[in-house]
Full PDB file with SEQRES, HELIX, SHEET, SSBOND, CRYST1, ORIGX, SCALE, CONECT and MASTER records, all heavy atoms in Angstrom:
SEQRES   1 A   37  HIS SER ALA GLY THR SER SER GLN TYR GLY GLU TRP ARG          
SEQRES   2 A   37  PRO THR LEU PRO PHE THR GLY SER TYR ALA VAL TYR ILE          
SEQRES   3 A   37  TRP LYS MET ASN ASN TYR ALA SER ALA THR THR                  
CRYST1    1.000    1.000    1.000  90.00  90.00  90.00 P 1           1          
ORIGX1      1.000000  0.000000  0.000000        0.00000                         
ORIGX2      0.000000  1.000000  0.000000        0.00000                         
ORIGX3      0.000000  0.000000  1.000000        0.00000                         
SCALE1      1.000000  0.000000  0.000000        0.00000                         
SCALE2      0.000000  1.000000  0.000000        0.00000                         
SCALE3      0.000000  0.000000  1.000000        0.00000                         
ATOM      1  N   HIS A   1      28.715 -11.732  16.255  1.00  0.00           N  
ATOM      2  CA  HIS A   1      28.285 -10.699  17.267  1.00  0.00           C  
ATOM      3  C   HIS A   1      28.308 -11.220  18.617  1.00  0.00           C  
ATOM      4  O   HIS A   1      27.705 -12.310  18.855  1.00  0.00           O  
ATOM      5  CB  HIS A   1      26.879 -10.135  16.956  1.00  0.00           C  
ATOM      6  CG  HIS A   1      26.601  -8.829  17.464  1.00  0.00           C  
ATOM      7  ND1 HIS A   1      26.396  -8.676  18.930  1.00  0.00           N  
ATOM      8  CD2 HIS A   1      26.314  -7.544  17.007  1.00  0.00           C  
ATOM      9  CE1 HIS A   1      26.079  -7.498  19.253  1.00  0.00           C  
ATOM     10  NE2 HIS A   1      26.061  -6.815  18.037  1.00  0.00           N  
ATOM     11  N   SER A   2      28.819 -10.469  19.597  1.00  0.00           N  
ATOM     12  CA  SER A   2      28.923 -10.975  20.937  1.00  0.00           C  
ATOM     13  C   SER A   2      27.504 -10.582  21.513  1.00  0.00           C  
ATOM     14  O   SER A   2      27.207  -9.360  21.587  1.00  0.00           O  
ATOM     15  CB  SER A   2      30.058 -10.292  21.769  1.00  0.00           C  
ATOM     16  OG  SER A   2      31.281 -10.851  21.232  1.00  0.00           O  
ATOM     17  N   ALA A   3      26.854 -11.471  22.194  1.00  0.00           N  
ATOM     18  CA  ALA A   3      25.598 -11.322  22.858  1.00  0.00           C  
ATOM     19  C   ALA A   3      24.959  -9.907  22.836  1.00  0.00           C  
ATOM     20  O   ALA A   3      25.325  -9.049  23.554  1.00  0.00           O  
ATOM     21  CB  ALA A   3      25.757 -11.795  24.359  1.00  0.00           C  
ATOM     22  N   GLY A   4      24.172  -9.664  21.787  1.00  0.00           N  
ATOM     23  CA  GLY A   4      23.582  -8.399  21.686  1.00  0.00           C  
ATOM     24  C   GLY A   4      22.153  -8.285  22.037  1.00  0.00           C  
ATOM     25  O   GLY A   4      21.651  -9.089  22.966  1.00  0.00           O  
ATOM     26  N   THR A   5      21.391  -7.538  21.357  1.00  0.00           N  
ATOM     27  CA  THR A   5      19.861  -7.453  21.714  1.00  0.00           C  
ATOM     28  C   THR A   5      19.122  -7.768  20.431  1.00  0.00           C  
ATOM     29  O   THR A   5      19.664  -8.007  19.355  1.00  0.00           O  
ATOM     30  CB  THR A   5      19.600  -5.964  21.976  1.00  0.00           C  
ATOM     31  OG1 THR A   5      19.692  -5.133  20.779  1.00  0.00           O  
ATOM     32  CG2 THR A   5      20.504  -5.404  23.201  1.00  0.00           C  
ATOM     33  N   SER A   6      17.840  -7.778  20.641  1.00  0.00           N  
ATOM     34  CA  SER A   6      16.998  -8.203  19.377  1.00  0.00           C  
ATOM     35  C   SER A   6      16.962  -7.114  18.375  1.00  0.00           C  
ATOM     36  O   SER A   6      16.474  -7.329  17.322  1.00  0.00           O  
ATOM     37  CB  SER A   6      15.514  -8.473  19.883  1.00  0.00           C  
ATOM     38  OG  SER A   6      14.979  -7.337  20.574  1.00  0.00           O  
ATOM     39  N   SER A   7      17.484  -5.897  18.670  1.00  0.00           N  
ATOM     40  CA  SER A   7      17.473  -4.770  17.662  1.00  0.00           C  
ATOM     41  C   SER A   7      18.748  -4.965  16.833  1.00  0.00           C  
ATOM     42  O   SER A   7      18.994  -4.249  15.926  1.00  0.00           O  
ATOM     43  CB  SER A   7      17.434  -3.436  18.248  1.00  0.00           C  
ATOM     44  OG  SER A   7      18.543  -3.276  19.169  1.00  0.00           O  
ATOM     45  N   GLN A   8      19.589  -5.959  17.063  1.00  0.00           N  
ATOM     46  CA  GLN A   8      20.834  -6.231  16.321  1.00  0.00           C  
ATOM     47  C   GLN A   8      20.749  -7.537  15.538  1.00  0.00           C  
ATOM     48  O   GLN A   8      20.489  -8.603  16.269  1.00  0.00           O  
ATOM     49  CB  GLN A   8      22.009  -6.263  17.221  1.00  0.00           C  
ATOM     50  CG  GLN A   8      22.224  -4.919  17.969  1.00  0.00           C  
ATOM     51  CD  GLN A   8      23.287  -5.059  19.186  1.00  0.00           C  
ATOM     52  OE1 GLN A   8      22.996  -5.846  20.006  1.00  0.00           O  
ATOM     53  NE2 GLN A   8      24.196  -4.193  19.204  1.00  0.00           N  
ATOM     54  N   TYR A   9      20.739  -7.506  14.290  1.00  0.00           N  
ATOM     55  CA  TYR A   9      20.616  -8.774  13.568  1.00  0.00           C  
ATOM     56  C   TYR A   9      21.333  -8.821  12.224  1.00  0.00           C  
ATOM     57  O   TYR A   9      21.676  -7.750  11.620  1.00  0.00           O  
ATOM     58  CB  TYR A   9      19.088  -9.203  13.267  1.00  0.00           C  
ATOM     59  CG  TYR A   9      18.362  -8.082  12.687  1.00  0.00           C  
ATOM     60  CD1 TYR A   9      18.266  -7.849  11.230  1.00  0.00           C  
ATOM     61  CD2 TYR A   9      17.593  -7.090  13.373  1.00  0.00           C  
ATOM     62  CE1 TYR A   9      17.532  -7.000  10.679  1.00  0.00           C  
ATOM     63  CE2 TYR A   9      16.867  -6.134  12.834  1.00  0.00           C  
ATOM     64  CZ  TYR A   9      16.819  -6.063  11.516  1.00  0.00           C  
ATOM     65  OH  TYR A   9      16.008  -5.079  10.806  1.00  0.00           O  
ATOM     66  N   GLY A  10      21.590 -10.007  11.640  1.00  0.00           N  
ATOM     67  CA  GLY A  10      22.096 -10.147  10.338  1.00  0.00           C  
ATOM     68  C   GLY A  10      20.870 -10.618   9.520  1.00  0.00           C  
ATOM     69  O   GLY A  10      20.102 -11.392  10.018  1.00  0.00           O  
ATOM     70  N   GLU A  11      20.876 -10.252   8.249  1.00  0.00           N  
ATOM     71  CA  GLU A  11      19.636 -10.701   7.380  1.00  0.00           C  
ATOM     72  C   GLU A  11      20.155 -10.987   5.935  1.00  0.00           C  
ATOM     73  O   GLU A  11      20.983 -10.212   5.400  1.00  0.00           O  
ATOM     74  CB  GLU A  11      18.803  -9.428   7.319  1.00  0.00           C  
ATOM     75  CG  GLU A  11      17.472  -9.700   6.572  1.00  0.00           C  
ATOM     76  CD  GLU A  11      16.546  -8.564   6.716  1.00  0.00           C  
ATOM     77  OE1 GLU A  11      15.820  -8.371   7.666  1.00  0.00           O  
ATOM     78  OE2 GLU A  11      16.515  -7.642   5.859  1.00  0.00           O  
ATOM     79  N   TRP A  12      19.609 -12.257   5.430  1.00  0.00           N  
ATOM     80  CA  TRP A  12      19.938 -12.672   4.139  1.00  0.00           C  
ATOM     81  C   TRP A  12      18.578 -12.504   3.347  1.00  0.00           C  
ATOM     82  O   TRP A  12      17.618 -13.043   3.747  1.00  0.00           O  
ATOM     83  CB  TRP A  12      20.289 -14.111   4.198  1.00  0.00           C  
ATOM     84  CG  TRP A  12      21.462 -14.355   4.888  1.00  0.00           C  
ATOM     85  CD1 TRP A  12      22.827 -14.531   4.441  1.00  0.00           C  
ATOM     86  CD2 TRP A  12      21.698 -14.710   6.386  1.00  0.00           C  
ATOM     87  NE1 TRP A  12      23.669 -14.695   5.378  1.00  0.00           N  
ATOM     88  CE2 TRP A  12      23.015 -14.833   6.600  1.00  0.00           C  
ATOM     89  CE3 TRP A  12      20.832 -14.777   7.466  1.00  0.00           C  
ATOM     90  CZ2 TRP A  12      23.492 -15.141   7.876  1.00  0.00           C  
ATOM     91  CZ3 TRP A  12      21.312 -14.947   8.737  1.00  0.00           C  
ATOM     92  CH2 TRP A  12      22.629 -15.169   8.939  1.00  0.00           C  
ATOM     93  N   ARG A  13      18.612 -11.685   2.359  1.00  0.00           N  
ATOM     94  CA  ARG A  13      17.487 -11.290   1.477  1.00  0.00           C  
ATOM     95  C   ARG A  13      17.788 -11.381   0.049  1.00  0.00           C  
ATOM     96  O   ARG A  13      18.218 -10.402  -0.622  1.00  0.00           O  
ATOM     97  CB  ARG A  13      16.960  -9.942   1.921  1.00  0.00           C  
ATOM     98  CG  ARG A  13      15.628  -9.525   1.261  1.00  0.00           C  
ATOM     99  CD  ARG A  13      15.343  -8.075   1.587  1.00  0.00           C  
ATOM    100  NE  ARG A  13      15.015  -7.787   3.015  1.00  0.00           N  
ATOM    101  CZ  ARG A  13      13.663  -7.825   3.528  1.00  0.00           C  
ATOM    102  NH1 ARG A  13      12.750  -7.995   2.666  1.00  0.00           N  
ATOM    103  NH2 ARG A  13      13.527  -7.551   4.729  1.00  0.00           N  
ATOM    104  N   PRO A  14      17.603 -12.661  -0.436  1.00  0.00           N  
ATOM    105  CA  PRO A  14      17.990 -12.739  -1.910  1.00  0.00           C  
ATOM    106  C   PRO A  14      16.906 -12.433  -2.820  1.00  0.00           C  
ATOM    107  O   PRO A  14      15.690 -12.216  -2.350  1.00  0.00           O  
ATOM    108  CB  PRO A  14      18.316 -14.396  -1.954  1.00  0.00           C  
ATOM    109  CG  PRO A  14      17.225 -14.811  -0.965  1.00  0.00           C  
ATOM    110  CD  PRO A  14      17.145 -13.848   0.141  1.00  0.00           C  
ATOM    111  N   THR A  15      17.076 -12.548  -4.046  1.00  0.00           N  
ATOM    112  CA  THR A  15      16.105 -12.373  -5.056  1.00  0.00           C  
ATOM    113  C   THR A  15      15.730 -13.828  -5.525  1.00  0.00           C  
ATOM    114  O   THR A  15      16.579 -14.561  -6.180  1.00  0.00           O  
ATOM    115  CB  THR A  15      16.497 -11.616  -6.386  1.00  0.00           C  
ATOM    116  OG1 THR A  15      16.849 -10.229  -5.817  1.00  0.00           O  
ATOM    117  CG2 THR A  15      15.450 -11.441  -7.326  1.00  0.00           C  
ATOM    118  N   LEU A  16      14.559 -14.342  -5.207  1.00  0.00           N  
ATOM    119  CA  LEU A  16      14.188 -15.712  -5.604  1.00  0.00           C  
ATOM    120  C   LEU A  16      13.683 -15.842  -7.035  1.00  0.00           C  
ATOM    121  O   LEU A  16      12.689 -14.944  -7.302  1.00  0.00           O  
ATOM    122  CB  LEU A  16      13.290 -16.285  -4.574  1.00  0.00           C  
ATOM    123  CG  LEU A  16      13.765 -16.272  -3.172  1.00  0.00           C  
ATOM    124  CD1 LEU A  16      12.708 -16.747  -2.099  1.00  0.00           C  
ATOM    125  CD2 LEU A  16      14.939 -17.256  -2.999  1.00  0.00           C  
ATOM    126  N   PRO A  17      13.909 -16.795  -7.782  1.00  0.00           N  
ATOM    127  CA  PRO A  17      13.589 -16.739  -9.234  1.00  0.00           C  
ATOM    128  C   PRO A  17      12.169 -17.322  -9.378  1.00  0.00           C  
ATOM    129  O   PRO A  17      11.557 -16.898 -10.386  1.00  0.00           O  
ATOM    130  CB  PRO A  17      14.628 -17.744  -9.824  1.00  0.00           C  
ATOM    131  CG  PRO A  17      14.982 -18.566  -8.670  1.00  0.00           C  
ATOM    132  CD  PRO A  17      14.914 -17.747  -7.556  1.00  0.00           C  
ATOM    133  N   PHE A  18      11.575 -18.101  -8.451  1.00  0.00           N  
ATOM    134  CA  PHE A  18      10.264 -18.728  -8.702  1.00  0.00           C  
ATOM    135  C   PHE A  18       9.305 -18.571  -7.501  1.00  0.00           C  
ATOM    136  O   PHE A  18       9.896 -18.561  -6.318  1.00  0.00           O  
ATOM    137  CB  PHE A  18      10.461 -20.165  -8.936  1.00  0.00           C  
ATOM    138  CG  PHE A  18      11.363 -20.480 -10.125  1.00  0.00           C  
ATOM    139  CD1 PHE A  18      12.575 -21.134  -9.700  1.00  0.00           C  
ATOM    140  CD2 PHE A  18      11.109 -20.318 -11.425  1.00  0.00           C  
ATOM    141  CE1 PHE A  18      13.514 -21.518 -10.701  1.00  0.00           C  
ATOM    142  CE2 PHE A  18      12.097 -20.623 -12.268  1.00  0.00           C  
ATOM    143  CZ  PHE A  18      13.292 -21.163 -12.000  1.00  0.00           C  
ATOM    144  N   THR A  19       8.084 -18.506  -7.658  1.00  0.00           N  
ATOM    145  CA  THR A  19       7.112 -18.562  -6.519  1.00  0.00           C  
ATOM    146  C   THR A  19       6.816 -20.074  -6.394  1.00  0.00           C  
ATOM    147  O   THR A  19       6.707 -20.795  -7.217  1.00  0.00           O  
ATOM    148  CB  THR A  19       5.771 -17.915  -6.875  1.00  0.00           C  
ATOM    149  OG1 THR A  19       6.019 -16.488  -7.085  1.00  0.00           O  
ATOM    150  CG2 THR A  19       4.721 -18.157  -5.861  1.00  0.00           C  
ATOM    151  N   GLY A  20       7.010 -20.416  -4.993  1.00  0.00           N  
ATOM    152  CA  GLY A  20       6.746 -21.822  -4.732  1.00  0.00           C  
ATOM    153  C   GLY A  20       7.556 -22.250  -3.381  1.00  0.00           C  
ATOM    154  O   GLY A  20       7.779 -21.451  -2.492  1.00  0.00           O  
ATOM    155  N   SER A  21       7.556 -23.558  -3.195  1.00  0.00           N  
ATOM    156  CA  SER A  21       8.234 -24.042  -1.892  1.00  0.00           C  
ATOM    157  C   SER A  21       9.813 -24.170  -2.166  1.00  0.00           C  
ATOM    158  O   SER A  21      10.251 -24.541  -3.248  1.00  0.00           O  
ATOM    159  CB  SER A  21       7.779 -25.426  -1.666  1.00  0.00           C  
ATOM    160  OG  SER A  21       6.361 -25.380  -1.375  1.00  0.00           O  
ATOM    161  N   TYR A  22      10.424 -23.778  -1.037  1.00  0.00           N  
ATOM    162  CA  TYR A  22      11.881 -23.822  -1.093  1.00  0.00           C  
ATOM    163  C   TYR A  22      12.368 -24.532   0.210  1.00  0.00           C  
ATOM    164  O   TYR A  22      11.800 -24.275   1.228  1.00  0.00           O  
ATOM    165  CB  TYR A  22      12.533 -22.408  -1.106  1.00  0.00           C  
ATOM    166  CG  TYR A  22      12.527 -21.699  -2.462  1.00  0.00           C  
ATOM    167  CD1 TYR A  22      11.315 -21.014  -2.809  1.00  0.00           C  
ATOM    168  CD2 TYR A  22      13.577 -21.541  -3.198  1.00  0.00           C  
ATOM    169  CE1 TYR A  22      11.292 -20.317  -4.067  1.00  0.00           C  
ATOM    170  CE2 TYR A  22      13.592 -20.945  -4.446  1.00  0.00           C  
ATOM    171  CZ  TYR A  22      12.435 -20.314  -4.814  1.00  0.00           C  
ATOM    172  OH  TYR A  22      12.408 -19.588  -5.935  1.00  0.00           O  
ATOM    173  N   ALA A  23      13.357 -25.401  -0.004  1.00  0.00           N  
ATOM    174  CA  ALA A  23      13.899 -25.943   1.234  1.00  0.00           C  
ATOM    175  C   ALA A  23      15.042 -24.808   1.643  1.00  0.00           C  
ATOM    176  O   ALA A  23      15.680 -24.442   0.795  1.00  0.00           O  
ATOM    177  CB  ALA A  23      14.668 -27.281   0.960  1.00  0.00           C  
ATOM    178  N   VAL A  24      15.064 -24.645   2.916  1.00  0.00           N  
ATOM    179  CA  VAL A  24      15.970 -23.453   3.401  1.00  0.00           C  
ATOM    180  C   VAL A  24      17.031 -24.231   4.389  1.00  0.00           C  
ATOM    181  O   VAL A  24      16.694 -24.993   5.163  1.00  0.00           O  
ATOM    182  CB  VAL A  24      15.274 -22.478   4.286  1.00  0.00           C  
ATOM    183  CG1 VAL A  24      16.201 -21.431   4.803  1.00  0.00           C  
ATOM    184  CG2 VAL A  24      14.099 -21.918   3.292  1.00  0.00           C  
ATOM    185  N   TYR A  25      18.273 -23.807   4.138  1.00  0.00           N  
ATOM    186  CA  TYR A  25      19.421 -24.258   4.873  1.00  0.00           C  
ATOM    187  C   TYR A  25      20.273 -23.112   5.434  1.00  0.00           C  
ATOM    188  O   TYR A  25      20.445 -22.072   4.801  1.00  0.00           O  
ATOM    189  CB  TYR A  25      20.310 -25.121   3.827  1.00  0.00           C  
ATOM    190  CG  TYR A  25      19.683 -26.348   3.321  1.00  0.00           C  
ATOM    191  CD1 TYR A  25      19.018 -26.145   2.122  1.00  0.00           C  
ATOM    192  CD2 TYR A  25      19.844 -27.574   3.939  1.00  0.00           C  
ATOM    193  CE1 TYR A  25      18.282 -27.358   1.624  1.00  0.00           C  
ATOM    194  CE2 TYR A  25      19.217 -28.702   3.359  1.00  0.00           C  
ATOM    195  CZ  TYR A  25      18.451 -28.487   2.165  1.00  0.00           C  
ATOM    196  OH  TYR A  25      17.769 -29.726   1.590  1.00  0.00           O  
ATOM    197  N   ILE A  26      20.802 -23.340   6.562  1.00  0.00           N  
ATOM    198  CA  ILE A  26      21.660 -22.355   7.209  1.00  0.00           C  
ATOM    199  C   ILE A  26      23.054 -22.983   7.217  1.00  0.00           C  
ATOM    200  O   ILE A  26      23.217 -24.111   7.618  1.00  0.00           O  
ATOM    201  CB  ILE A  26      21.137 -21.964   8.694  1.00  0.00           C  
ATOM    202  CG1 ILE A  26      19.643 -21.578   8.793  1.00  0.00           C  
ATOM    203  CG2 ILE A  26      22.117 -21.054   9.453  1.00  0.00           C  
ATOM    204  CD1 ILE A  26      19.355 -20.357   8.262  1.00  0.00           C  
ATOM    205  N   TRP A  27      24.054 -22.209   6.931  1.00  0.00           N  
ATOM    206  CA  TRP A  27      25.501 -22.616   6.916  1.00  0.00           C  
ATOM    207  C   TRP A  27      25.919 -22.523   8.440  1.00  0.00           C  
ATOM    208  O   TRP A  27      25.993 -21.407   8.936  1.00  0.00           O  
ATOM    209  CB  TRP A  27      26.375 -21.968   6.027  1.00  0.00           C  
ATOM    210  CG  TRP A  27      27.796 -22.418   6.137  1.00  0.00           C  
ATOM    211  CD1 TRP A  27      28.856 -21.893   6.939  1.00  0.00           C  
ATOM    212  CD2 TRP A  27      28.329 -23.575   5.460  1.00  0.00           C  
ATOM    213  NE1 TRP A  27      29.927 -22.580   6.702  1.00  0.00           N  
ATOM    214  CE2 TRP A  27      29.687 -23.656   5.793  1.00  0.00           C  
ATOM    215  CE3 TRP A  27      27.739 -24.461   4.628  1.00  0.00           C  
ATOM    216  CZ2 TRP A  27      30.522 -24.743   5.399  1.00  0.00           C  
ATOM    217  CZ3 TRP A  27      28.587 -25.419   4.086  1.00  0.00           C  
ATOM    218  CH2 TRP A  27      29.891 -25.621   4.525  1.00  0.00           C  
ATOM    219  N   LYS A  28      26.321 -23.675   9.075  1.00  0.00           N  
ATOM    220  CA  LYS A  28      26.903 -23.614  10.344  1.00  0.00           C  
ATOM    221  C   LYS A  28      28.367 -23.783  10.273  1.00  0.00           C  
ATOM    222  O   LYS A  28      28.873 -24.639   9.657  1.00  0.00           O  
ATOM    223  CB  LYS A  28      26.347 -24.930  11.223  1.00  0.00           C  
ATOM    224  CG  LYS A  28      26.694 -24.846  12.556  1.00  0.00           C  
ATOM    225  CD  LYS A  28      26.362 -26.222  13.273  1.00  0.00           C  
ATOM    226  CE  LYS A  28      27.193 -26.447  14.481  1.00  0.00           C  
ATOM    227  NZ  LYS A  28      28.604 -26.576  14.291  1.00  0.00           N  
ATOM    228  N   MET A  29      29.070 -22.740  10.895  1.00  0.00           N  
ATOM    229  CA  MET A  29      30.532 -22.864  10.894  1.00  0.00           C  
ATOM    230  C   MET A  29      31.121 -23.753  11.785  1.00  0.00           C  
ATOM    231  O   MET A  29      30.299 -24.385  12.607  1.00  0.00           O  
ATOM    232  CB  MET A  29      31.020 -21.292  11.143  1.00  0.00           C  
ATOM    233  CG  MET A  29      30.743 -20.420  10.003  1.00  0.00           C  
ATOM    234  SD  MET A  29      31.327 -18.760  10.329  1.00  0.00           S  
ATOM    235  CE  MET A  29      30.146 -18.073  11.409  1.00  0.00           C  
ATOM    236  N   ASN A  30      32.356 -23.778  11.996  1.00  0.00           N  
ATOM    237  CA  ASN A  30      33.157 -24.739  12.904  1.00  0.00           C  
ATOM    238  C   ASN A  30      32.585 -24.460  14.247  1.00  0.00           C  
ATOM    239  O   ASN A  30      32.260 -23.370  14.780  1.00  0.00           O  
ATOM    240  CB  ASN A  30      34.672 -24.547  12.789  1.00  0.00           C  
ATOM    241  CG  ASN A  30      35.170 -24.835  11.389  1.00  0.00           C  
ATOM    242  OD1 ASN A  30      34.660 -25.846  10.731  1.00  0.00           O  
ATOM    243  ND2 ASN A  30      36.122 -24.244  11.007  1.00  0.00           N  
ATOM    244  N   ASN A  31      32.781 -25.477  15.113  1.00  0.00           N  
ATOM    245  CA  ASN A  31      32.333 -25.384  16.489  1.00  0.00           C  
ATOM    246  C   ASN A  31      33.351 -24.770  17.427  1.00  0.00           C  
ATOM    247  O   ASN A  31      34.515 -25.032  17.243  1.00  0.00           O  
ATOM    248  CB  ASN A  31      32.124 -26.811  16.972  1.00  0.00           C  
ATOM    249  CG  ASN A  31      31.105 -27.612  16.213  1.00  0.00           C  
ATOM    250  OD1 ASN A  31      30.209 -27.102  15.660  1.00  0.00           O  
ATOM    251  ND2 ASN A  31      31.411 -28.835  16.036  1.00  0.00           N  
ATOM    252  N   TYR A  32      32.859 -23.926  18.245  1.00  0.00           N  
ATOM    253  CA  TYR A  32      33.721 -23.194  19.282  1.00  0.00           C  
ATOM    254  C   TYR A  32      32.922 -22.932  20.574  1.00  0.00           C  
ATOM    255  O   TYR A  32      31.635 -22.640  20.404  1.00  0.00           O  
ATOM    256  CB  TYR A  32      34.148 -21.816  18.698  1.00  0.00           C  
ATOM    257  CG  TYR A  32      35.182 -21.917  17.685  1.00  0.00           C  
ATOM    258  CD1 TYR A  32      34.861 -21.894  16.326  1.00  0.00           C  
ATOM    259  CD2 TYR A  32      36.604 -22.085  17.967  1.00  0.00           C  
ATOM    260  CE1 TYR A  32      35.769 -22.017  15.248  1.00  0.00           C  
ATOM    261  CE2 TYR A  32      37.566 -22.277  16.975  1.00  0.00           C  
ATOM    262  CZ  TYR A  32      37.176 -22.242  15.694  1.00  0.00           C  
ATOM    263  OH  TYR A  32      38.082 -22.344  14.664  1.00  0.00           O  
ATOM    264  N   ALA A  33      33.565 -23.050  21.718  1.00  0.00           N  
ATOM    265  CA  ALA A  33      32.803 -22.980  22.887  1.00  0.00           C  
ATOM    266  C   ALA A  33      32.258 -21.511  23.102  1.00  0.00           C  
ATOM    267  O   ALA A  33      31.387 -21.331  23.919  1.00  0.00           O  
ATOM    268  CB  ALA A  33      33.811 -23.280  24.003  1.00  0.00           C  
ATOM    269  N   SER A  34      32.723 -20.525  22.429  1.00  0.00           N  
ATOM    270  CA  SER A  34      32.361 -19.115  22.523  1.00  0.00           C  
ATOM    271  C   SER A  34      31.024 -18.874  21.791  1.00  0.00           C  
ATOM    272  O   SER A  34      30.519 -17.830  21.940  1.00  0.00           O  
ATOM    273  CB  SER A  34      33.356 -18.168  22.052  1.00  0.00           C  
ATOM    274  OG  SER A  34      33.772 -18.485  20.733  1.00  0.00           O  
ATOM    275  N   ALA A  35      30.607 -19.873  20.934  1.00  0.00           N  
ATOM    276  CA  ALA A  35      29.374 -19.687  20.181  1.00  0.00           C  
ATOM    277  C   ALA A  35      28.162 -20.059  20.956  1.00  0.00           C  
ATOM    278  O   ALA A  35      28.237 -20.900  21.943  1.00  0.00           O  
ATOM    279  CB  ALA A  35      29.463 -20.582  18.954  1.00  0.00           C  
ATOM    280  N   THR A  36      27.091 -19.481  20.564  1.00  0.00           N  
ATOM    281  CA  THR A  36      25.807 -19.728  21.266  1.00  0.00           C  
ATOM    282  C   THR A  36      25.228 -21.142  21.090  1.00  0.00           C  
ATOM    283  O   THR A  36      25.508 -21.860  20.035  1.00  0.00           O  
ATOM    284  CB  THR A  36      24.778 -18.780  20.914  1.00  0.00           C  
ATOM    285  OG1 THR A  36      23.641 -18.949  21.603  1.00  0.00           O  
ATOM    286  CG2 THR A  36      24.334 -18.825  19.363  1.00  0.00           C  
ATOM    287  N   THR A  37      24.451 -21.540  21.948  1.00  0.00           N  
ATOM    288  CA  THR A  37      23.725 -22.850  21.840  1.00  0.00           C  
ATOM    289  C   THR A  37      22.311 -22.554  21.215  1.00  0.00           C  
ATOM    290  O   THR A  37      21.514 -23.395  21.077  1.00  0.00           O  
ATOM    291  CB  THR A  37      23.590 -23.520  23.162  1.00  0.00           C  
ATOM    292  OG1 THR A  37      22.964 -22.836  24.006  1.00  0.00           O  
ATOM    293  CG2 THR A  37      25.010 -24.034  23.550  1.00  0.00           C  
TER     294      THR A  37                                                      
MASTER        0    0    0    0    0    0    0    6  293    1    0    3          
END                                                                             
């Protein structure tokens, strides 16, 4: 998404199998100067 607003978002909402602690990871794509810092 090109520079939007806080009312525009992507959301990942899975079904988790267990209650407890989870390590969370975000997939970072290839680097491009057009991407945000």
